[in-house]
C-alpha cells in the first residue's frame, strides 16, 4: 500500500495486487481513506506463479505503468540453501517481473508510452553472505531491466530499476520483532546492531521508510523522467559506497 500511495496521490489509477482478498481489500481501504486523487482497485493473485499472472493479466490486460515489486527473502547459510529454495526465490522475485513485463511491454510500445520499474535492492551489487540466493535474484532483476530497456530504443517507454537499501517493509519489521523477542531485547536494539555489524557502510543508519523509496518510484514512473532509461537508481541510504 505504501508503495502505491505516491502514484495514487499524483492522480494515477492504481491496481493493488496481493495474494489474498483480505490483504488487497485492506490496502485499498487504507489508500482510499488517505484521500488519494487516483482511482484504486485491486486483485488477489499470486504473481509468483504462472497461474496467478494469467489471472491478473486477464483482469487487467493493459497498463501504462508496471511496478515489479513482488519479492521474498530469507536469512539462510549458503550450505543450507537447497534447490527448492533457489527455485522458490527465483520464481517469485524474478519470473514474476519477467512474465508481467512480457505481457505488458508490447502494449506500451504500441501506444508509445509506458513505464516498467523493477524493485531490486542494494543486495544486487553487494551480495549479502547471509542470503546469497536473495542477492542473486536482485542482480538478475538489474540484468533483465537493462536488457528490456535496450528494446525500447526511440520509444517513449522506459525500463528502470530502483535499488532500495534496508527498508522497514512489513516483512522486515516482522523479522526484527521476532529476532528481538528471541534475543530478549527490543526492536530498536536489533536495528542498531544490524547497521553496526551487517550494513556498517550505511549513511542513514536506520531502516528507510517505504514512503522514501516510493518517492523515487513515483519519479521514475512520471513523464518528467523521460530521459531516464536503463538505469539502476539507488534509494539505499548510502549503503553502496561505489559511485558507479
C-alpha atoms as a PDB file:
ATOM      1  CA  UNK A   1       0.000   0.000   0.000  1.00  0.00           C
ATOM      2  CA  UNK A   2       2.807   2.417   0.918  1.00  0.00           C
ATOM      3  CA  UNK A   3       4.459   1.958  -2.470  1.00  0.00           C
ATOM      4  CA  UNK A   4       1.269   2.712  -4.419  1.00  0.00           C
ATOM      5  CA  UNK A   5       0.263   5.793  -2.428  1.00  0.00           C
ATOM      6  CA  UNK A   6       2.608   8.338  -4.084  1.00  0.00           C
ATOM      7  CA  UNK A   7       1.396   7.240  -7.539  1.00  0.00           C
ATOM      8  CA  UNK A   8      -2.246   7.472  -6.473  1.00  0.00           C
ATOM      9  CA  UNK A   9      -1.523  10.857  -4.896  1.00  0.00           C
ATOM     10  CA  UNK A  10      -0.353  12.050  -8.324  1.00  0.00           C
ATOM     11  CA  UNK A  11      -3.676  11.003  -9.847  1.00  0.00           C
ATOM     12  CA  UNK A  12      -2.704   7.627 -11.288  1.00  0.00           C
ATOM     13  CA  UNK A  13      -5.297   4.856 -11.285  1.00  0.00           C
ATOM     14  CA  UNK A  14      -3.659   2.168  -9.191  1.00  0.00           C
ATOM     15  CA  UNK A  15      -4.215  -1.594  -9.142  1.00  0.00           C
ATOM     16  CA  UNK A  16      -3.187  -3.212  -5.863  1.00  0.00           C
ATOM     17  CA  UNK A  17      -2.052  -6.828  -6.045  1.00  0.00           C
ATOM     18  CA  UNK A  18      -1.757  -9.282  -3.174  1.00  0.00           C
ATOM     19  CA  UNK A  19      -2.146 -12.972  -2.551  1.00  0.00           C
ATOM     20  CA  UNK A  20      -5.393 -12.809  -0.538  1.00  0.00           C
ATOM     21  CA  UNK A  21      -8.638 -10.876  -0.889  1.00  0.00           C
ATOM     22  CA  UNK A  22      -8.368  -9.690   2.706  1.00  0.00           C
ATOM     23  CA  UNK A  23      -4.929  -8.167   2.219  1.00  0.00           C
ATOM     24  CA  UNK A  24      -5.932  -6.489  -1.047  1.00  0.00           C
ATOM     25  CA  UNK A  25      -9.128  -5.057   0.420  1.00  0.00           C
ATOM     26  CA  UNK A  26      -7.261  -3.731   3.462  1.00  0.00           C
ATOM     27  CA  UNK A  27      -4.743  -1.954   1.230  1.00  0.00           C
ATOM     28  CA  UNK A  28      -7.471  -0.468  -0.961  1.00  0.00           C
ATOM     29  CA  UNK A  29      -9.383   0.798   2.080  1.00  0.00           C
ATOM     30  CA  UNK A  30      -6.278   2.451   3.527  1.00  0.00           C
ATOM     31  CA  UNK A  31      -5.432   4.124   0.236  1.00  0.00           C
ATOM     32  CA  UNK A  32      -8.939   5.477  -0.220  1.00  0.00           C
ATOM     33  CA  UNK A  33      -9.069   6.669   3.390  1.00  0.00           C
ATOM     34  CA  UNK A  34      -5.814   8.590   2.897  1.00  0.00           C
ATOM     35  CA  UNK A  35      -7.515  10.798   0.323  1.00  0.00           C
ATOM     36  CA  UNK A  36      -5.540   9.878  -2.788  1.00  0.00           C
ATOM     37  CA  UNK A  37      -6.557  11.550  -6.060  1.00  0.00           C
ATOM     38  CA  UNK A  38      -6.392   8.497  -8.301  1.00  0.00           C
ATOM     39  CA  UNK A  39      -8.806   5.613  -8.585  1.00  0.00           C
ATOM     40  CA  UNK A  40      -7.866   2.488  -6.641  1.00  0.00           C
ATOM     41  CA  UNK A  41      -8.718  -1.117  -7.496  1.00  0.00           C
ATOM     42  CA  UNK A  42      -7.170  -4.461  -6.844  1.00  0.00           C
ATOM     43  CA  UNK A  43      -6.948  -8.180  -7.421  1.00  0.00           C
ATOM     44  CA  UNK A  44      -5.880 -11.149  -5.339  1.00  0.00           C
ATOM     45  CA  UNK A  45      -3.453 -13.219  -7.418  1.00  0.00           C
ATOM     46  CA  UNK A  46      -0.172 -14.928  -6.593  1.00  0.00           C
ATOM     47  CA  UNK A  47       2.181 -13.411  -9.166  1.00  0.00           C
ATOM     48  CA  UNK A  48       4.848 -15.851  -8.039  1.00  0.00           C
ATOM     49  CA  UNK A  49       3.056 -18.410 -10.211  1.00  0.00           C
ATOM     50  CA  UNK A  50       2.171 -18.559 -13.895  1.00  0.00           C
ATOM     51  CA  UNK A  51      -1.481 -19.139 -12.986  1.00  0.00           C
ATOM     52  CA  UNK A  52      -1.511 -16.021 -10.823  1.00  0.00           C
ATOM     53  CA  UNK A  53      -0.030 -13.946 -13.636  1.00  0.00           C
ATOM     54  CA  UNK A  54      -2.693 -15.212 -16.025  1.00  0.00           C
ATOM     55  CA  UNK A  55      -5.445 -14.304 -13.560  1.00  0.00           C
ATOM     56  CA  UNK A  56      -4.077 -10.778 -13.163  1.00  0.00           C
ATOM     57  CA  UNK A  57      -3.487 -10.101 -16.847  1.00  0.00           C
ATOM     58  CA  UNK A  58      -6.899 -11.469 -17.810  1.00  0.00           C
ATOM     59  CA  UNK A  59      -8.497  -8.951 -15.430  1.00  0.00           C
ATOM     60  CA  UNK A  60      -6.164  -6.075 -16.382  1.00  0.00           C
ATOM     61  CA  UNK A  61      -4.950  -6.717 -19.943  1.00  0.00           C
ATOM     62  CA  UNK A  62      -3.265  -3.314 -20.377  1.00  0.00           C
ATOM     63  CA  UNK A  63      -1.440  -0.936 -18.059  1.00  0.00           C
ATOM     64  CA  UNK A  64       0.710   2.129 -18.650  1.00  0.00           C
ATOM     65  CA  UNK A  65       2.896   1.598 -15.568  1.00  0.00           C
ATOM     66  CA  UNK A  66       4.157  -1.701 -14.202  1.00  0.00           C
ATOM     67  CA  UNK A  67       5.991  -1.817 -10.874  1.00  0.00           C
ATOM     68  CA  UNK A  68       7.510  -5.251 -10.299  1.00  0.00           C
ATOM     69  CA  UNK A  69       7.616  -5.332  -6.510  1.00  0.00           C
ATOM     70  CA  UNK A  70       6.778  -8.940  -5.622  1.00  0.00           C
ATOM     71  CA  UNK A  71       9.590 -10.310  -3.506  1.00  0.00           C
ATOM     72  CA  UNK A  72      10.518 -12.622  -0.661  1.00  0.00           C
ATOM     73  CA  UNK A  73      13.710 -13.100   1.319  1.00  0.00           C
ATOM     74  CA  UNK A  74      15.099 -15.387   3.970  1.00  0.00           C
ATOM     75  CA  UNK A  75      18.285 -15.450   6.012  1.00  0.00           C
ATOM     76  CA  UNK A  76      19.968 -18.814   5.489  1.00  0.00           C
ATOM     77  CA  UNK A  77      23.569 -20.107   5.404  1.00  0.00           C
ATOM     78  CA  UNK A  78      24.650 -20.995   1.877  1.00  0.00           C
ATOM     79  CA  UNK A  79      25.262 -24.643   2.785  1.00  0.00           C
ATOM     80  CA  UNK A  80      21.626 -24.968   3.845  1.00  0.00           C
ATOM     81  CA  UNK A  81      20.052 -23.397   0.739  1.00  0.00           C
ATOM     82  CA  UNK A  82      18.678 -26.335  -1.212  1.00  0.00           C
ATOM     83  CA  UNK A  83      17.489 -26.444  -4.824  1.00  0.00           C
ATOM     84  CA  UNK A  84      13.892 -25.722  -3.868  1.00  0.00           C
ATOM     85  CA  UNK A  85      14.931 -22.570  -2.004  1.00  0.00           C
ATOM     86  CA  UNK A  86      16.812 -21.314  -5.058  1.00  0.00           C
ATOM     87  CA  UNK A  87      13.858 -22.087  -7.336  1.00  0.00           C
ATOM     88  CA  UNK A  88      11.290 -20.531  -4.980  1.00  0.00           C
ATOM     89  CA  UNK A  89      13.081 -17.191  -4.700  1.00  0.00           C
ATOM     90  CA  UNK A  90      13.773 -17.100  -8.434  1.00  0.00           C
ATOM     91  CA  UNK A  91      10.144 -17.848  -9.272  1.00  0.00           C
ATOM     92  CA  UNK A  92       8.765 -15.090  -7.052  1.00  0.00           C
ATOM     93  CA  UNK A  93      11.440 -12.410  -7.288  1.00  0.00           C
ATOM     94  CA  UNK A  94      12.498 -12.791 -10.914  1.00  0.00           C
ATOM     95  CA  UNK A  95       9.952 -14.662 -13.010  1.00  0.00           C
ATOM     96  CA  UNK A  96       7.049 -12.572 -11.682  1.00  0.00           C
ATOM     97  CA  UNK A  97       8.589  -9.495 -13.292  1.00  0.00           C
ATOM     98  CA  UNK A  98       9.624 -11.382 -16.417  1.00  0.00           C
ATOM     99  CA  UNK A  99       6.108 -12.699 -17.020  1.00  0.00           C
ATOM    100  CA  UNK A 100       4.359  -9.422 -16.313  1.00  0.00           C
ATOM    101  CA  UNK A 101       6.789  -7.408 -18.429  1.00  0.00           C
ATOM    102  CA  UNK A 102       6.447  -9.888 -21.277  1.00  0.00           C
ATOM    103  CA  UNK A 103       2.696  -9.358 -21.238  1.00  0.00           C
ATOM    104  CA  UNK A 104       2.568  -5.570 -20.851  1.00  0.00           C
ATOM    105  CA  UNK A 105       5.614  -4.285 -22.748  1.00  0.00           C
ATOM    106  CA  UNK A 106       4.189  -4.855 -26.230  1.00  0.00           C
ATOM    107  CA  UNK A 107       1.122  -2.726 -25.467  1.00  0.00           C
ATOM    108  CA  UNK A 108       3.293   0.063 -24.076  1.00  0.00           C
ATOM    109  CA  UNK A 109       5.357   0.090 -27.253  1.00  0.00           C
ATOM    110  CA  UNK A 110       2.232   0.085 -29.422  1.00  0.00           C
ATOM    111  CA  UNK A 111       0.809   3.089 -27.524  1.00  0.00           C
ATOM    112  CA  UNK A 112       4.294   4.664 -27.455  1.00  0.00           C
ATOM    113  CA  UNK A 113       4.214   5.340 -23.728  1.00  0.00           C
ATOM    114  CA  UNK A 114       4.917   3.253 -20.689  1.00  0.00           C
ATOM    115  CA  UNK A 115       6.982   2.672 -17.572  1.00  0.00           C
ATOM    116  CA  UNK A 116       8.357  -0.568 -16.166  1.00  0.00           C
ATOM    117  CA  UNK A 117      10.167  -0.475 -12.836  1.00  0.00           C
ATOM    118  CA  UNK A 118      11.876  -3.396 -11.131  1.00  0.00           C
ATOM    119  CA  UNK A 119      12.258  -3.047  -7.368  1.00  0.00           C
ATOM    120  CA  UNK A 120      15.699  -4.534  -6.901  1.00  0.00           C
ATOM    121  CA  UNK A 121      17.956  -3.940  -3.878  1.00  0.00           C
ATOM    122  CA  UNK A 122      21.374  -2.822  -2.768  1.00  0.00           C
ATOM    123  CA  UNK A 123      21.850  -6.570  -2.294  1.00  0.00           C
ATOM    124  CA  UNK A 124      22.086  -6.775  -6.093  1.00  0.00           C
ATOM    125  CA  UNK A 125      25.527  -5.158  -6.026  1.00  0.00           C
ATOM    126  CA  UNK A 126      26.645  -6.069  -2.504  1.00  0.00           C
ATOM    127  CA  UNK A 127      25.580  -9.704  -2.264  1.00  0.00           C
ATOM    128  CA  UNK A 128      24.742 -10.496   1.380  1.00  0.00           C
ATOM    129  CA  UNK A 129      26.582 -13.554   2.672  1.00  0.00           C
ATOM    130  CA  UNK A 130      23.585 -14.388   4.852  1.00  0.00           C
ATOM    131  CA  UNK A 131      21.177 -14.717   1.892  1.00  0.00           C
ATOM    132  CA  UNK A 132      23.106 -15.306  -1.304  1.00  0.00           C
ATOM    133  CA  UNK A 133      20.075 -16.665  -3.140  1.00  0.00           C
ATOM    134  CA  UNK A 134      18.207 -13.421  -2.484  1.00  0.00           C
ATOM    135  CA  UNK A 135      21.135 -11.363  -3.786  1.00  0.00           C
ATOM    136  CA  UNK A 136      21.192 -13.490  -6.923  1.00  0.00           C
ATOM    137  CA  UNK A 137      17.571 -12.654  -7.705  1.00  0.00           C
ATOM    138  CA  UNK A 138      18.152  -8.934  -7.198  1.00  0.00           C
ATOM    139  CA  UNK A 139      21.150  -8.956  -9.577  1.00  0.00           C
ATOM    140  CA  UNK A 140      19.060 -10.843 -12.120  1.00  0.00           C
ATOM    141  CA  UNK A 141      16.457  -8.070 -11.996  1.00  0.00           C
ATOM    142  CA  UNK A 142      19.083  -5.483 -12.939  1.00  0.00           C
ATOM    143  CA  UNK A 143      20.115  -7.527 -15.962  1.00  0.00           C
ATOM    144  CA  UNK A 144      16.536  -8.037 -17.106  1.00  0.00           C
ATOM    145  CA  UNK A 145      15.613  -4.380 -16.683  1.00  0.00           C
ATOM    146  CA  UNK A 146      18.643  -3.197 -18.626  1.00  0.00           C
ATOM    147  CA  UNK A 147      18.047  -5.750 -21.371  1.00  0.00           C
ATOM    148  CA  UNK A 148      14.397  -4.732 -21.718  1.00  0.00           C
ATOM    149  CA  UNK A 149      15.394  -1.069 -21.845  1.00  0.00           C
ATOM    150  CA  UNK A 150      17.568  -1.895 -24.855  1.00  0.00           C
ATOM    151  CA  UNK A 151      14.410  -2.959 -26.704  1.00  0.00           C
ATOM    152  CA  UNK A 152      12.735   0.445 -26.213  1.00  0.00           C
ATOM    153  CA  UNK A 153      15.067   2.480 -28.412  1.00  0.00           C
ATOM    154  CA  UNK A 154      13.319   5.562 -29.770  1.00  0.00           C
ATOM    155  CA  UNK A 155      10.073   4.912 -27.881  1.00  0.00           C
ATOM    156  CA  UNK A 156       8.511   6.831 -25.028  1.00  0.00           C
ATOM    157  CA  UNK A 157       8.794   3.698 -22.926  1.00  0.00           C
ATOM    158  CA  UNK A 158      11.360   3.293 -20.162  1.00  0.00           C
ATOM    159  CA  UNK A 159      12.528   0.350 -18.079  1.00  0.00           C
ATOM    160  CA  UNK A 160      14.485   1.060 -14.914  1.00  0.00           C
ATOM    161  CA  UNK A 161      15.439  -0.480 -11.598  1.00  0.00           C
ATOM    162  CA  UNK A 162      15.240   1.053  -8.156  1.00  0.00           C
ATOM    163  CA  UNK A 163      17.662  -0.223  -5.529  1.00  0.00           C
ATOM    164  CA  UNK A 164      16.371   0.330  -2.001  1.00  0.00           C
ATOM    165  CA  UNK A 165      18.642  -0.196   0.952  1.00  0.00           C
ATOM    166  CA  UNK A 166      17.439  -1.906   4.128  1.00  0.00           C
ATOM    167  CA  UNK A 167      13.815  -0.797   4.352  1.00  0.00           C
ATOM    168  CA  UNK A 168      11.174  -1.127   7.070  1.00  0.00           C
ATOM    169  CA  UNK A 169       8.847  -3.213   4.934  1.00  0.00           C
ATOM    170  CA  UNK A 170       6.236  -5.356   6.607  1.00  0.00           C
ATOM    171  CA  UNK A 171       8.427  -8.439   6.233  1.00  0.00           C
ATOM    172  CA  UNK A 172      11.493  -6.724   7.675  1.00  0.00           C
ATOM    173  CA  UNK A 173       9.545  -5.287  10.594  1.00  0.00           C
ATOM    174  CA  UNK A 174       8.168  -8.736  11.405  1.00  0.00           C
ATOM    175  CA  UNK A 175      11.651 -10.284  11.180  1.00  0.00           C
ATOM    176  CA  UNK A 176      13.105  -7.627  13.509  1.00  0.00           C
ATOM    177  CA  UNK A 177      10.322  -8.128  16.064  1.00  0.00           C
ATOM    178  CA  UNK A 178      10.801 -11.897  16.043  1.00  0.00           C
ATOM    179  CA  UNK A 179      14.567 -11.555  16.381  1.00  0.00           C
ATOM    180  CA  UNK A 180      14.172  -9.076  19.240  1.00  0.00           C
ATOM    181  CA  UNK A 181      11.864 -11.488  21.069  1.00  0.00           C
ATOM    182  CA  UNK A 182      14.312 -14.336  20.511  1.00  0.00           C
ATOM    183  CA  UNK A 183      17.204 -12.242  21.853  1.00  0.00           C
ATOM    184  CA  UNK A 184      15.085 -10.803  24.683  1.00  0.00           C
ATOM    185  CA  UNK A 185      15.733  -7.246  23.588  1.00  0.00           C
ATOM    186  CA  UNK A 186      13.808  -4.512  21.787  1.00  0.00           C
ATOM    187  CA  UNK A 187      13.498  -3.908  18.012  1.00  0.00           C
ATOM    188  CA  UNK A 188      15.467  -0.672  18.257  1.00  0.00           C
ATOM    189  CA  UNK A 189      18.462  -2.526  19.647  1.00  0.00           C
ATOM    190  CA  UNK A 190      18.214  -5.103  16.855  1.00  0.00           C
ATOM    191  CA  UNK A 191      18.130  -2.303  14.267  1.00  0.00           C
ATOM    192  CA  UNK A 192      21.177  -0.601  15.797  1.00  0.00           C
ATOM    193  CA  UNK A 193      23.116  -3.856  15.840  1.00  0.00           C
ATOM    194  CA  UNK A 194      22.158  -4.635  12.263  1.00  0.00           C
ATOM    195  CA  UNK A 195      23.603  -1.385  10.977  1.00  0.00           C
ATOM    196  CA  UNK A 196      26.658  -1.675  13.184  1.00  0.00           C
ATOM    197  CA  UNK A 197      27.610  -5.178  12.086  1.00  0.00           C
ATOM    198  CA  UNK A 198      25.714  -6.101   8.880  1.00  0.00           C
ATOM    199  CA  UNK A 199      25.434  -2.768   6.997  1.00  0.00           C
ATOM    200  CA  UNK A 200      28.190  -0.598   8.504  1.00  0.00           C
ATOM    201  CA  UNK A 201      28.521   1.470   5.304  1.00  0.00           C
ATOM    202  CA  UNK A 202      25.005   2.878   5.683  1.00  0.00           C
ATOM    203  CA  UNK A 203      24.931   6.653   5.913  1.00  0.00           C
ATOM    204  CA  UNK A 204      21.296   6.661   7.011  1.00  0.00           C
ATOM    205  CA  UNK A 205      21.944   4.313   9.969  1.00  0.00           C
ATOM    206  CA  UNK A 206      18.308   3.259  10.084  1.00  0.00           C
ATOM    207  CA  UNK A 207      15.794   1.366   8.014  1.00  0.00           C
ATOM    208  CA  UNK A 208      14.388   3.555   5.264  1.00  0.00           C
ATOM    209  CA  UNK A 209      10.665   4.176   5.301  1.00  0.00           C
ATOM    210  CA  UNK A 210       8.803   2.573   2.377  1.00  0.00           C
ATOM    211  CA  UNK A 211       7.500   6.038   1.527  1.00  0.00           C
ATOM    212  CA  UNK A 212      11.057   7.243   0.989  1.00  0.00           C
ATOM    213  CA  UNK A 213      11.633   4.539  -1.605  1.00  0.00           C
ATOM    214  CA  UNK A 214       8.185   5.095  -3.119  1.00  0.00           C
ATOM    215  CA  UNK A 215       9.052   8.716  -3.869  1.00  0.00           C
ATOM    216  CA  UNK A 216      11.860   7.541  -6.165  1.00  0.00           C
ATOM    217  CA  UNK A 217       9.486   5.078  -7.832  1.00  0.00           C
ATOM    218  CA  UNK A 218       6.894   7.795  -8.396  1.00  0.00           C
ATOM    219  CA  UNK A 219       9.508   9.976 -10.073  1.00  0.00           C
ATOM    220  CA  UNK A 220      10.748   7.286 -12.444  1.00  0.00           C
ATOM    221  CA  UNK A 221       7.138   6.440 -13.372  1.00  0.00           C
ATOM    222  CA  UNK A 222       6.311  10.062 -14.186  1.00  0.00           C
ATOM    223  CA  UNK A 223       6.551  11.889 -17.539  1.00  0.00           C
ATOM    224  CA  UNK A 224       9.349  14.112 -16.206  1.00  0.00           C
ATOM    225  CA  UNK A 225      11.686  11.089 -16.018  1.00  0.00           C
ATOM    226  CA  UNK A 226      11.594  10.560 -19.784  1.00  0.00           C
ATOM    227  CA  UNK A 227      15.382  10.789 -20.159  1.00  0.00           C
ATOM    228  CA  UNK A 228      15.965   8.111 -17.514  1.00  0.00           C
ATOM    229  CA  UNK A 229      16.015   4.689 -19.162  1.00  0.00           C
ATOM    230  CA  UNK A 230      18.001   1.534 -18.461  1.00  0.00           C
ATOM    231  CA  UNK A 231      19.166   2.997 -15.155  1.00  0.00           C
ATOM    232  CA  UNK A 232      19.687   1.450 -11.730  1.00  0.00           C
ATOM    233  CA  UNK A 233      18.588   4.181  -9.312  1.00  0.00           C
ATOM    234  CA  UNK A 234      19.645   3.969  -5.686  1.00  0.00           C
ATOM    235  CA  UNK A 235      17.494   4.731  -2.673  1.00  0.00           C
ATOM    236  CA  UNK A 236      19.876   2.775  -0.481  1.00  0.00           C
ATOM    237  CA  UNK A 237      20.682   5.183   2.328  1.00  0.00           C
ATOM    238  CA  UNK A 238      24.289   5.294   1.185  1.00  0.00           C
ATOM    239  CA  UNK A 239      24.982   1.605   1.832  1.00  0.00           C
ATOM    240  CA  UNK A 240      26.671   1.144  -1.550  1.00  0.00           C
ATOM    241  CA  UNK A 241      29.979   3.010  -1.470  1.00  0.00           C
ATOM    242  CA  UNK A 242      30.736   2.831  -5.207  1.00  0.00           C
ATOM    243  CA  UNK A 243      29.923   5.943  -7.226  1.00  0.00           C
ATOM    244  CA  UNK A 244      29.058   3.853 -10.317  1.00  0.00           C
END
